[in-house]
C-alpha atoms as a PDB file:
ATOM      1  CA  MET A   1     -12.557 -27.374 -25.017  1.00  0.00           C
ATOM      2  CA  ASN A   2     -13.362 -23.744 -25.482  1.00  0.00           C
ATOM      3  CA  ILE A   3     -10.861 -21.042 -24.357  1.00  0.00           C
ATOM      4  CA  GLU A   4     -12.414 -19.263 -21.442  1.00  0.00           C
ATOM      5  CA  LEU A   5     -11.357 -16.235 -19.299  1.00  0.00           C
ATOM      6  CA  ARG A   6      -9.882 -18.480 -16.648  1.00  0.00           C
ATOM      7  CA  HIS A   7      -7.783 -20.142 -19.222  1.00  0.00           C
ATOM      8  CA  ALA A   8      -6.320 -16.745 -20.392  1.00  0.00           C
ATOM      9  CA  ARG A   9      -5.685 -15.792 -16.801  1.00  0.00           C
ATOM     10  CA  ILE A  10      -3.705 -18.994 -16.074  1.00  0.00           C
ATOM     11  CA  VAL A  11      -1.346 -18.493 -19.092  1.00  0.00           C
ATOM     12  CA  THR A  12      -1.021 -14.789 -18.166  1.00  0.00           C
ATOM     13  CA  VAL A  13       0.080 -15.693 -14.638  1.00  0.00           C
ATOM     14  CA  ILE A  14       2.406 -18.404 -15.913  1.00  0.00           C
ATOM     15  CA  ASP A  15       4.030 -15.845 -18.283  1.00  0.00           C
ATOM     16  CA  ARG A  16       4.342 -13.056 -15.600  1.00  0.00           C
ATOM     17  CA  ALA A  17       5.780 -15.456 -13.150  1.00  0.00           C
ATOM     18  CA  GLY A  18       8.323 -17.212 -15.365  1.00  0.00           C
ATOM     19  CA  SER A  19       7.773 -20.660 -13.980  1.00  0.00           C
ATOM     20  CA  ILE A  20       5.055 -23.263 -13.237  1.00  0.00           C
ATOM     21  CA  SER A  21       5.887 -23.525  -9.570  1.00  0.00           C
ATOM     22  CA  LYS A  22       5.802 -19.694  -8.850  1.00  0.00           C
ATOM     23  CA  ALA A  23       2.556 -19.374 -10.993  1.00  0.00           C
ATOM     24  CA  ALA A  24       1.072 -22.384  -8.832  1.00  0.00           C
ATOM     25  CA  ALA A  25       1.976 -20.588  -5.751  1.00  0.00           C
ATOM     26  CA  GLU A  26       0.325 -17.311  -6.845  1.00  0.00           C
ATOM     27  CA  LEU A  27      -2.850 -19.177  -8.190  1.00  0.00           C
ATOM     28  CA  SER A  28      -2.878 -21.385  -4.879  1.00  0.00           C
ATOM     29  CA  VAL A  29      -3.109 -24.578  -6.761  1.00  0.00           C
ATOM     30  CA  PRO A  30      -0.803 -27.840  -6.681  1.00  0.00           C
ATOM     31  CA  GLN A  31       1.782 -27.462  -9.381  1.00  0.00           C
ATOM     32  CA  SER A  32       0.748 -30.907 -10.910  1.00  0.00           C
ATOM     33  CA  SER A  33      -2.808 -29.533 -11.306  1.00  0.00           C
ATOM     34  CA  LEU A  34      -1.498 -26.297 -13.067  1.00  0.00           C
ATOM     35  CA  THR A  35       0.675 -28.329 -15.546  1.00  0.00           C
ATOM     36  CA  ALA A  36      -2.470 -30.475 -16.435  1.00  0.00           C
ATOM     37  CA  GLN A  37      -4.495 -27.300 -16.973  1.00  0.00           C
ATOM     38  CA  LEU A  38      -1.904 -25.741 -19.085  1.00  0.00           C
ATOM     39  CA  ARG A  39      -1.639 -28.951 -21.193  1.00  0.00           C
ATOM     40  CA  ARG A  40      -5.263 -28.811 -21.791  1.00  0.00           C
ATOM     41  CA  ILE A  41      -5.301 -25.141 -22.710  1.00  0.00           C
ATOM     42  CA  GLU A  42      -2.332 -25.959 -25.171  1.00  0.00           C
ATOM     43  CA  ASN A  43      -4.285 -28.887 -26.701  1.00  0.00           C
ATOM     44  CA  ALA A  44      -7.272 -26.450 -27.394  1.00  0.00           C
ATOM     45  CA  VAL A  45      -4.995 -23.836 -28.994  1.00  0.00           C
ATOM     46  CA  GLY A  46      -3.297 -26.490 -31.136  1.00  0.00           C
ATOM     47  CA  GLY A  47       0.364 -26.269 -29.740  1.00  0.00           C
ATOM     48  CA  ARG A  48       2.779 -25.656 -26.894  1.00  0.00           C
ATOM     49  CA  LEU A  49       2.848 -22.087 -25.342  1.00  0.00           C
ATOM     50  CA  PHE A  50       5.716 -22.621 -23.238  1.00  0.00           C
ATOM     51  CA  VAL A  51       8.895 -24.662 -22.819  1.00  0.00           C
ATOM     52  CA  ARG A  52      10.774 -25.330 -19.707  1.00  0.00           C
ATOM     53  CA  SER A  53      14.235 -24.338 -19.314  1.00  0.00           C
ATOM     54  CA  SER A  54      16.757 -24.312 -16.514  1.00  0.00           C
ATOM     55  CA  SER A  55      15.560 -20.869 -15.408  1.00  0.00           C
ATOM     56  CA  GLY A  56      11.979 -21.611 -15.705  1.00  0.00           C
ATOM     57  CA  VAL A  57       9.529 -21.225 -18.611  1.00  0.00           C
ATOM     58  CA  VAL A  58      10.001 -19.302 -22.022  1.00  0.00           C
ATOM     59  CA  PRO A  59       7.200 -18.768 -24.665  1.00  0.00           C
ATOM     60  CA  THR A  60       7.234 -20.872 -27.886  1.00  0.00           C
ATOM     61  CA  SER A  61       6.989 -19.219 -31.309  1.00  0.00           C
ATOM     62  CA  LEU A  62       3.301 -19.887 -30.882  1.00  0.00           C
ATOM     63  CA  GLY A  63       3.225 -18.503 -27.289  1.00  0.00           C
ATOM     64  CA  GLU A  64       4.965 -15.388 -28.559  1.00  0.00           C
ATOM     65  CA  ARG A  65       1.915 -14.780 -30.626  1.00  0.00           C
ATOM     66  CA  LEU A  66      -1.096 -15.842 -28.370  1.00  0.00           C
ATOM     67  CA  VAL A  67       0.380 -14.869 -24.841  1.00  0.00           C
ATOM     68  CA  PRO A  68       0.152 -11.105 -25.462  1.00  0.00           C
ATOM     69  CA  MET A  69      -3.483 -11.589 -26.936  1.00  0.00           C
ATOM     70  CA  LEU A  70      -4.528 -13.740 -23.798  1.00  0.00           C
ATOM     71  CA  THR A  71      -3.001 -11.067 -21.455  1.00  0.00           C
ATOM     72  CA  GLU A  72      -4.875  -8.209 -23.241  1.00  0.00           C
ATOM     73  CA  LEU A  73      -8.090 -10.264 -22.871  1.00  0.00           C
ATOM     74  CA  VAL A  74      -7.444 -10.473 -19.244  1.00  0.00           C
ATOM     75  CA  GLN A  75      -6.775  -6.855 -18.894  1.00  0.00           C
ATOM     76  CA  ARG A  76      -9.875  -6.042 -20.778  1.00  0.00           C
ATOM     77  CA  ALA A  77     -11.977  -8.293 -18.715  1.00  0.00           C
ATOM     78  CA  ASP A  78     -10.683  -6.632 -15.565  1.00  0.00           C
ATOM     79  CA  LEU A  79     -11.474  -3.146 -16.946  1.00  0.00           C
ATOM     80  CA  VAL A  80     -14.936  -4.430 -17.684  1.00  0.00           C
ATOM     81  CA  VAL A  81     -15.571  -5.503 -14.171  1.00  0.00           C
ATOM     82  CA  VAL A  82     -14.071  -2.191 -12.645  1.00  0.00           C
ATOM     83  CA  GLU A  83     -16.011   0.041 -14.992  1.00  0.00           C
ATOM     84  CA  ALA A  84     -19.393  -1.822 -14.277  1.00  0.00           C
ATOM     85  CA  ALA A  85     -18.898  -1.674 -10.680  1.00  0.00           C
ATOM     86  CA  ALA A  86     -17.910   2.088 -10.763  1.00  0.00           C
ATOM     87  CA  HIS A  87     -21.216   2.883 -12.951  1.00  0.00           C
ATOM     88  CA  ALA A  88     -23.214   0.857 -10.427  1.00  0.00           C
ATOM     89  CA  SER A  89     -21.892   2.418  -7.390  1.00  0.00           C
ATOM     90  CA  LYS A  90     -23.278   5.746  -6.241  1.00  0.00           C
ATOM     91  CA  VAL A  91     -20.287   6.232  -4.017  1.00  0.00           C
ATOM     92  CA  PHE A  92     -17.486   8.559  -4.896  1.00  0.00           C
ATOM     93  CA  ARG A  93     -14.318   7.466  -3.015  1.00  0.00           C
ATOM     94  CA  PHE A  94     -11.533   9.962  -2.665  1.00  0.00           C
ATOM     95  CA  GLY A  95      -7.994   9.196  -1.366  1.00  0.00           C
ATOM     96  CA  ASN A  96      -5.752  11.647   0.280  1.00  0.00           C
ATOM     97  CA  SER A  97      -2.172  11.541   1.782  1.00  0.00           C
ATOM     98  CA  GLU A  98      -0.624  12.195   5.273  1.00  0.00           C
ATOM     99  CA  TRP A  99      -4.061  13.259   6.887  1.00  0.00           C
ATOM    100  CA  THR A 100      -7.674  14.333   5.608  1.00  0.00           C
ATOM    101  CA  PRO A 101      -9.345  17.229   7.364  1.00  0.00           C
ATOM    102  CA  PRO A 102     -13.159  16.854   7.902  1.00  0.00           C
ATOM    103  CA  SER A 103     -13.440  20.174   6.039  1.00  0.00           C
ATOM    104  CA  LEU A 104     -12.113  18.601   2.795  1.00  0.00           C
ATOM    105  CA  HIS A 105     -14.725  15.898   3.121  1.00  0.00           C
ATOM    106  CA  SER A 106     -17.466  18.356   3.543  1.00  0.00           C
ATOM    107  CA  ALA A 107     -16.074  20.311   0.393  1.00  0.00           C
ATOM    108  CA  LEU A 108     -16.352  17.223  -1.802  1.00  0.00           C
ATOM    109  CA  ARG A 109     -19.806  16.382  -0.490  1.00  0.00           C
ATOM    110  CA  SER A 110     -20.928  19.796  -1.454  1.00  0.00           C
ATOM    111  CA  SER A 111     -19.433  19.476  -5.015  1.00  0.00           C
ATOM    112  CA  LEU A 112     -21.252  16.196  -5.321  1.00  0.00           C
ATOM    113  CA  PRO A 113     -24.498  16.739  -3.773  1.00  0.00           C
ATOM    114  CA  SER A 114     -26.276  13.711  -5.276  1.00  0.00           C
ATOM    115  CA  THR A 115     -23.420  11.202  -4.581  1.00  0.00           C
ATOM    116  CA  GLU A 116     -22.265   9.485  -1.332  1.00  0.00           C
ATOM    117  CA  VAL A 117     -18.816  10.652  -0.613  1.00  0.00           C
ATOM    118  CA  GLN A 118     -16.323   8.400   1.285  1.00  0.00           C
ATOM    119  CA  THR A 119     -12.776   9.686   2.052  1.00  0.00           C
ATOM    120  CA  GLU A 120      -9.716   7.620   2.919  1.00  0.00           C
ATOM    121  CA  THR A 121      -6.140   8.503   4.188  1.00  0.00           C
ATOM    122  CA  LEU A 122      -3.331   6.405   2.826  1.00  0.00           C
ATOM    123  CA  SER A 123       0.124   6.711   1.436  1.00  0.00           C
ATOM    124  CA  PRO A 124       0.679   8.341  -2.044  1.00  0.00           C
ATOM    125  CA  THR A 125       1.773   4.950  -3.540  1.00  0.00           C
ATOM    126  CA  ALA A 126      -1.146   3.050  -2.189  1.00  0.00           C
ATOM    127  CA  ALA A 127      -3.640   5.967  -3.305  1.00  0.00           C
ATOM    128  CA  VAL A 128      -2.314   5.681  -6.909  1.00  0.00           C
ATOM    129  CA  ASP A 129      -2.412   1.848  -6.872  1.00  0.00           C
ATOM    130  CA  ALA A 130      -6.070   2.108  -5.540  1.00  0.00           C
ATOM    131  CA  VAL A 131      -7.084   4.371  -8.383  1.00  0.00           C
ATOM    132  CA  ARG A 132      -5.482   2.329 -10.864  1.00  0.00           C
ATOM    133  CA  ARG A 133      -7.344  -0.705  -9.659  1.00  0.00           C
ATOM    134  CA  GLY A 134     -10.692   1.155  -9.463  1.00  0.00           C
ATOM    135  CA  TRP A 135     -10.848   1.058  -5.628  1.00  0.00           C
ATOM    136  CA  LEU A 136     -10.750   4.914  -5.422  1.00  0.00           C
ATOM    137  CA  SER A 137     -12.772   7.262  -7.802  1.00  0.00           C
ATOM    138  CA  ALA A 138      -9.759   9.857  -7.418  1.00  0.00           C
ATOM    139  CA  ALA A 139      -6.927  10.744  -5.243  1.00  0.00           C
ATOM    140  CA  LEU A 140      -4.784  13.824  -4.242  1.00  0.00           C
ATOM    141  CA  VAL A 141      -1.170  12.908  -4.097  1.00  0.00           C
ATOM    142  CA  PRO A 142       2.082  14.683  -3.875  1.00  0.00           C
ATOM    143  CA  CYS A 143       4.686  14.337  -6.571  1.00  0.00           C
ATOM    144  CA  MET A 144       3.973  13.635 -10.282  1.00  0.00           C
ATOM    145  CA  SER A 145       6.637  10.903 -10.277  1.00  0.00           C
ATOM    146  CA  LEU A 146       4.332   8.686  -7.985  1.00  0.00           C
ATOM    147  CA  VAL A 147       1.743   8.666 -10.788  1.00  0.00           C
ATOM    148  CA  GLU A 148       4.023   7.558 -13.471  1.00  0.00           C
ATOM    149  CA  PRO A 149       3.682   3.753 -13.820  1.00  0.00           C
ATOM    150  CA  ASP A 150       6.521   1.183 -14.006  1.00  0.00           C
ATOM    151  CA  ASP A 151       4.205  -1.012 -15.972  1.00  0.00           C
ATOM    152  CA  THR A 152       2.454   0.741 -18.760  1.00  0.00           C
ATOM    153  CA  SER A 153       0.033  -2.159 -19.670  1.00  0.00           C
ATOM    154  CA  GLY A 154      -2.342  -1.047 -16.669  1.00  0.00           C
ATOM    155  CA  PRO A 155      -5.151   1.288 -17.002  1.00  0.00           C
ATOM    156  CA  ALA A 156      -4.157   4.781 -18.154  1.00  0.00           C
ATOM    157  CA  LEU A 157      -4.490   7.694 -15.484  1.00  0.00           C
ATOM    158  CA  ASP A 158      -5.246  11.348 -16.032  1.00  0.00           C
ATOM    159  CA  THR A 159      -4.024  14.134 -13.711  1.00  0.00           C
ATOM    160  CA  ALA A 160      -4.506  17.810 -12.926  1.00  0.00           C
ATOM    161  CA  VAL A 161      -1.947  19.888 -10.756  1.00  0.00           C
ATOM    162  CA  ILE A 162      -3.810  21.391  -7.930  1.00  0.00           C
ATOM    163  CA  VAL A 163      -0.820  23.487  -6.829  1.00  0.00           C
ATOM    164  CA  ARG A 164       2.942  23.526  -6.682  1.00  0.00           C
ATOM    165  CA  GLU A 165       3.557  23.866  -3.076  1.00  0.00           C
ATOM    166  CA  PRO A 166       6.836  25.296  -1.730  1.00  0.00           C
ATOM    167  CA  VAL A 167       9.145  23.665   0.947  1.00  0.00           C
ATOM    168  CA  TRP A 168       9.528  25.830   4.074  1.00  0.00           C
ATOM    169  CA  LEU A 169      11.426  25.442   7.441  1.00  0.00           C
ATOM    170  CA  ALA A 170       9.528  24.784  10.596  1.00  0.00           C
ATOM    171  CA  VAL A 171      10.987  25.757  13.873  1.00  0.00           C
ATOM    172  CA  PRO A 172       9.587  26.294  17.458  1.00  0.00           C
ATOM    173  CA  ARG A 173       7.745  29.419  18.127  1.00  0.00           C
ATOM    174  CA  GLY A 174      10.206  31.982  19.530  1.00  0.00           C
ATOM    175  CA  HIS A 175      13.118  30.539  17.580  1.00  0.00           C
ATOM    176  CA  PRO A 176      15.646  33.200  16.424  1.00  0.00           C
ATOM    177  CA  LEU A 177      14.912  32.361  12.780  1.00  0.00           C
ATOM    178  CA  SER A 178      11.087  32.541  13.244  1.00  0.00           C
ATOM    179  CA  GLY A 179      11.083  36.339  12.589  1.00  0.00           C
ATOM    180  CA  GLU A 180      13.110  36.250   9.635  1.00  0.00           C
ATOM    181  CA  PRO A 181      11.255  37.262   6.253  1.00  0.00           C
ATOM    182  CA  ALA A 182      13.229  34.331   4.638  1.00  0.00           C
ATOM    183  CA  VAL A 183      16.403  32.193   5.209  1.00  0.00           C
ATOM    184  CA  GLU A 184      19.283  31.082   3.271  1.00  0.00           C
ATOM    185  CA  THR A 185      20.323  27.384   3.242  1.00  0.00           C
ATOM    186  CA  HIS A 186      23.592  28.341   5.048  1.00  0.00           C
ATOM    187  CA  HIS A 187      21.469  29.699   7.951  1.00  0.00           C
ATOM    188  CA  LEU A 188      20.314  26.208   8.506  1.00  0.00           C
ATOM    189  CA  THR A 189      23.535  24.224   9.066  1.00  0.00           C
ATOM    190  CA  SER A 190      23.736  24.651  12.771  1.00  0.00           C
ATOM    191  CA  LEU A 191      20.133  23.355  13.555  1.00  0.00           C
ATOM    192  CA  SER A 192      19.245  20.046  15.086  1.00  0.00           C
ATOM    193  CA  TRP A 193      16.889  18.297  12.538  1.00  0.00           C
ATOM    194  CA  VAL A 194      13.993  15.872  12.455  1.00  0.00           C
ATOM    195  CA  CYS A 195      14.098  14.082   8.949  1.00  0.00           C
ATOM    196  CA  TYR A 196      11.737  11.927   6.989  1.00  0.00           C
ATOM    197  CA  ALA A 197      12.158   8.038   6.734  1.00  0.00           C
ATOM    198  CA  ARG A 198      13.460   6.585   3.627  1.00  0.00           C
ATOM    199  CA  ASP A 199      10.254   5.165   2.383  1.00  0.00           C
ATOM    200  CA  HIS A 200       8.295   8.502   2.980  1.00  0.00           C
ATOM    201  CA  TRP A 201       7.375  10.342  -0.277  1.00  0.00           C
ATOM    202  CA  PHE A 202       8.925  13.630   1.232  1.00  0.00           C
ATOM    203  CA  GLN A 203      12.162  12.313   1.801  1.00  0.00           C
ATOM    204  CA  PRO A 204      13.641  12.653  -1.813  1.00  0.00           C
ATOM    205  CA  ILE A 205      12.626  16.361  -1.691  1.00  0.00           C
ATOM    206  CA  GLU A 206      14.270  16.789   1.752  1.00  0.00           C
ATOM    207  CA  LYS A 207      17.290  15.184   0.516  1.00  0.00           C
ATOM    208  CA  GLN A 208      17.485  17.333  -2.461  1.00  0.00           C
ATOM    209  CA  LEU A 209      17.294  20.504  -0.430  1.00  0.00           C
ATOM    210  CA  PHE A 210      19.819  19.383   2.122  1.00  0.00           C
ATOM    211  CA  THR A 211      22.506  18.805  -0.929  1.00  0.00           C
ATOM    212  CA  ARG A 212      22.506  22.577  -0.709  1.00  0.00           C
ATOM    213  CA  PHE A 213      23.708  22.834   2.722  1.00  0.00           C
ATOM    214  CA  PRO A 214      27.286  23.720   3.331  1.00  0.00           C
ATOM    215  CA  ARG A 215      27.452  20.987   5.911  1.00  0.00           C
ATOM    216  CA  ALA A 216      26.685  17.654   4.399  1.00  0.00           C
ATOM    217  CA  ASP A 217      25.862  15.721   7.558  1.00  0.00           C
ATOM    218  CA  PRO A 218      23.448  17.868   9.689  1.00  0.00           C
ATOM    219  CA  GLU A 219      22.562  16.554  13.132  1.00  0.00           C
ATOM    220  CA  VAL A 220      19.420  14.364  12.944  1.00  0.00           C
ATOM    221  CA  LEU A 221      17.428  13.742  16.175  1.00  0.00           C
ATOM    222  CA  HIS A 222      14.822  11.470  14.708  1.00  0.00           C
ATOM    223  CA  TYR A 223      13.319  10.015  11.499  1.00  0.00           C
ATOM    224  CA  VAL A 224       9.544  10.455  11.316  1.00  0.00           C
ATOM    225  CA  ASP A 225       6.626   8.964   9.174  1.00  0.00           C
ATOM    226  CA  GLY A 226       4.590  11.935   8.475  1.00  0.00           C
ATOM    227  CA  HIS A 227       4.502  15.816   8.590  1.00  0.00           C
ATOM    228  CA  HIS A 228       2.392  15.856  11.946  1.00  0.00           C
ATOM    229  CA  GLU A 229       4.917  13.624  13.890  1.00  0.00           C
ATOM    230  CA  ALA A 230       7.597  16.089  12.515  1.00  0.00           C
ATOM    231  CA  MET A 231       5.787  19.049  13.898  1.00  0.00           C
ATOM    232  CA  SER A 232       5.517  17.447  17.206  1.00  0.00           C
ATOM    233  CA  TRP A 233       9.345  17.065  17.334  1.00  0.00           C
ATOM    234  CA  VAL A 234       9.819  20.660  16.324  1.00  0.00           C
ATOM    235  CA  ARG A 235       7.434  21.734  19.226  1.00  0.00           C
ATOM    236  CA  ASP A 236       8.494  19.486  22.074  1.00  0.00           C
ATOM    237  CA  ALA A 237      12.259  18.688  21.142  1.00  0.00           C
ATOM    238  CA  HIS A 238      12.982  22.132  19.745  1.00  0.00           C
ATOM    239  CA  ALA A 239      14.218  20.556  16.441  1.00  0.00           C
ATOM    240  CA  ALA A 240      13.925  22.058  12.815  1.00  0.00           C
ATOM    241  CA  ALA A 241      12.126  20.242  10.072  1.00  0.00           C
ATOM    242  CA  LEU A 242      11.323  20.737   6.198  1.00  0.00           C
ATOM    243  CA  THR A 243       7.737  20.710   5.594  1.00  0.00           C
ATOM    244  CA  THR A 244       5.011  22.025   2.996  1.00  0.00           C
ATOM    245  CA  PRO A 245       3.226  24.911   4.658  1.00  0.00           C
ATOM    246  CA  THR A 246       0.009  23.014   4.818  1.00  0.00           C
ATOM    247  CA  GLY A 247       1.704  20.082   6.482  1.00  0.00           C
ATOM    248  CA  ALA A 248       2.748  22.249   9.560  1.00  0.00           C
ATOM    249  CA  THR A 249       0.720  22.705  12.563  1.00  0.00           C
ATOM    250  CA  SER A 250      -0.448  25.968  14.108  1.00  0.00           C
ATOM    251  CA  ASP A 251       1.932  25.503  17.257  1.00  0.00           C
ATOM    252  CA  VAL A 252       5.113  25.917  15.217  1.00  0.00           C
ATOM    253  CA  SER A 253       6.555  28.764  13.217  1.00  0.00           C
ATOM    254  CA  LEU A 254       6.967  28.669   9.411  1.00  0.00           C
ATOM    255  CA  VAL A 255       9.746  30.383   7.474  1.00  0.00           C
ATOM    256  CA  PRO A 256      10.234  30.599   3.684  1.00  0.00           C
ATOM    257  CA  ILE A 257      13.553  29.276   2.391  1.00  0.00           C
ATOM    258  CA  THR A 258      15.265  31.269  -0.322  1.00  0.00           C
ATOM    259  CA  GLY A 259      15.435  29.091  -3.703  1.00  0.00           C
ATOM    260  CA  THR A 260      13.454  26.260  -2.036  1.00  0.00           C
ATOM    261  CA  GLU A 261      12.236  23.069  -3.597  1.00  0.00           C
ATOM    262  CA  SER A 262       8.671  22.590  -4.365  1.00  0.00           C
ATOM    263  CA  THR A 263       6.249  19.641  -4.923  1.00  0.00           C
ATOM    264  CA  GLU A 264       3.356  19.210  -7.075  1.00  0.00           C
ATOM    265  CA  MET A 265       0.010  18.472  -5.398  1.00  0.00           C
ATOM    266  CA  VAL A 266      -1.815  16.258  -8.099  1.00  0.00           C
ATOM    267  CA  MET A 267      -5.327  14.823  -8.529  1.00  0.00           C
ATOM    268  CA  VAL A 268      -5.324  11.572 -10.225  1.00  0.00           C
ATOM    269  CA  TRP A 269      -8.074   9.505 -11.784  1.00  0.00           C
ATOM    270  CA  ARG A 270      -8.512   6.648 -14.289  1.00  0.00           C
ATOM    271  CA  SER A 271      -8.962   7.770 -17.713  1.00  0.00           C
ATOM    272  CA  GLY A 272     -12.700   7.890 -18.896  1.00  0.00           C
ATOM    273  CA  SER A 273     -13.873   6.903 -15.269  1.00  0.00           C
ATOM    274  CA  VAL A 274     -15.265  10.233 -14.127  1.00  0.00           C
ATOM    275  CA  ALA A 275     -17.679  12.544 -16.321  1.00  0.00           C
ATOM    276  CA  ARG A 276     -15.913  15.785 -17.667  1.00  0.00           C
ATOM    277  CA  GLY A 277     -18.278  18.135 -15.771  1.00  0.00           C
ATOM    278  CA  THR A 278     -17.706  16.276 -12.559  1.00  0.00           C
ATOM    279  CA  LEU A 279     -14.001  16.465 -12.934  1.00  0.00           C
ATOM    280  CA  SER A 280     -13.985  20.112 -13.656  1.00  0.00           C
ATOM    281  CA  ARG A 281     -16.090  20.723 -10.673  1.00  0.00           C
ATOM    282  CA  LEU A 282     -13.806  18.445  -8.535  1.00  0.00           C
ATOM    283  CA  VAL A 283     -10.550  20.209  -9.633  1.00  0.00           C
ATOM    284  CA  GLU A 284     -11.946  23.584  -8.894  1.00  0.00           C
ATOM    285  CA  THR A 285     -13.361  22.289  -5.721  1.00  0.00           C
ATOM    286  CA  VAL A 286      -9.980  20.948  -4.499  1.00  0.00           C
ATOM    287  CA  ARG A 287      -8.262  24.133  -5.564  1.00  0.00           C
ATOM    288  CA  SER A 288     -10.619  26.404  -3.758  1.00  0.00           C
ATOM    289  CA  TYR A 289     -10.474  24.226  -0.773  1.00  0.00           C
ATOM    290  CA  TYR A 290      -6.614  24.364  -0.866  1.00  0.00           C
ATOM    291  CA  CYS A 291      -6.771  28.306  -0.717  1.00  0.00           C
ATOM    292  CA  ALA A 292      -9.349  28.168   2.089  1.00  0.00           C
ATOM    293  CA  TYR A 293      -7.044  26.050   4.071  1.00  0.00           C
ATOM    294  CA  ALA A 294      -4.046  28.117   3.291  1.00  0.00           C
ATOM    295  CA  ARG A 295      -5.950  31.369   4.634  1.00  0.00           C
ATOM    296  CA  THR A 296      -5.809  29.337   8.111  1.00  0.00           C
ATOM    297  CA  ILE A 297      -1.852  29.795   7.806  1.00  0.00           C
ATOM    298  CA  PRO A 298      -1.569  33.506   7.695  1.00  0.00           C
ATOM    299  CA  ARG A 299       2.173  33.740   6.724  1.00  0.00           C
ATOM    300  CA  TYR A 300       1.711  31.283   3.978  1.00  0.00           C
ATOM    301  CA  TRP A 301      -1.491  33.109   2.650  1.00  0.00           C
ATOM    302  CA  ALA A 302       0.477  36.344   2.693  1.00  0.00           C
ATOM    303  CA  TRP A 303       3.173  34.820   0.774  1.00  0.00           C
ATOM    304  CA  MET A 304       0.813  33.414  -1.999  1.00  0.00           C
ATOM    305  CA  ARG A 305      -0.820  36.780  -2.371  1.00  0.00           C
ATOM    306  CA  GLU A 306       2.598  38.348  -2.774  1.00  0.00           C
ATOM    307  CA  HIS A 307       4.055  35.721  -5.186  1.00  0.00           C
ATOM    308  CA  PRO A 308       0.975  34.741  -7.449  1.00  0.00           C
ATOM    309  CA  ALA A 309       3.309  33.783 -10.235  1.00  0.00           C
ATOM    310  CA  ASP A 310       4.405  30.763  -8.040  1.00  0.00           C
ATOM    311  CA  PHE A 311       0.810  29.546  -8.078  1.00  0.00           C
ATOM    312  CA  PRO A 312      -0.399  29.562 -11.580  1.00  0.00           C
ATOM    313  CA  GLU A 313      -3.323  26.917 -11.066  1.00  0.00           C
ATOM    314  CA  LEU A 314      -4.528  29.241  -8.379  1.00  0.00           C
ATOM    315  CA  LEU A 315      -4.506  32.637  -9.887  1.00  0.00           C
ATOM    316  CA  GLY A 316      -8.341  32.916 -10.392  1.00  0.00           C
ATOM    317  CA  HIS A 317      -8.835  32.066  -6.857  1.00  0.00           C
ATOM    318  CA  LEU A 318      -6.011  34.507  -5.513  1.00  0.00           C
ATOM    319  CA  ARG A 319      -7.491  37.230  -7.608  1.00  0.00           C
ATOM    320  CA  ALA A 320     -10.893  36.773  -6.378  1.00  0.00           C
ATOM    321  CA  ALA A 321      -9.707  36.678  -2.560  1.00  0.00           C
END
């Protein structure tokens, strides 16, 4: 019996699952069948790869040498499949978080005139996972920490910071704070808030800024799952919300916060999967698009022009404006 890729995959799943029963469930095969397949694989390599224990299975000394090699074989085979599919495909798939304006899709199409462009809106975590698996060519996500893998054995990712975006206050139009040039955190303690759900990417940033409030338990009316839902509560329930300026809608007022937090908007792609020229063009396209979108938010665009040092990645675009 020759060792085949499917055999390497079986060993990899057993090692990762830590038990025959869990591996059988993951592979959707009967436990007895998986046990028989493992015995045939062990006969082919000339020794036991795992021994059973009260807590599952553990590699033998032979397994400690061979299982990492078989795992690497599976990973490389998966990479070959993904790379071959990416080379054969003439579609560039771009992921974005929260919402994707049609104008972003148009900007990407102009940047890649000979390629079909598809865009998809999904959560930042799902976008990074889709890039890692080769389902997306690239994605724009908030927060560099979302890109850092828990498991370093997967495909390497490359990143480029598009912009470091500040966090501002959103209040209803006509609110007493809406005309302020900037507000301090102690101005915000008496407001009624709409906050972000625990699994939303913006929640840790919001939580960090709230720690600076003199009042530790601000009144929260509702927990939202996105910036646009938050803005509807600001408009209709006269609540306050924290947001990135580009996450706000035109029917609310934005106010800068002194000493605010900021979040990195990061473009991410799999290392070596996109040509250098295409990458350079894409990064500049997304930065240019960001500036064009910021121009539709007069107060934010004026702020950017007045504080260029806060936007080092966009200096060329700010000087040309």
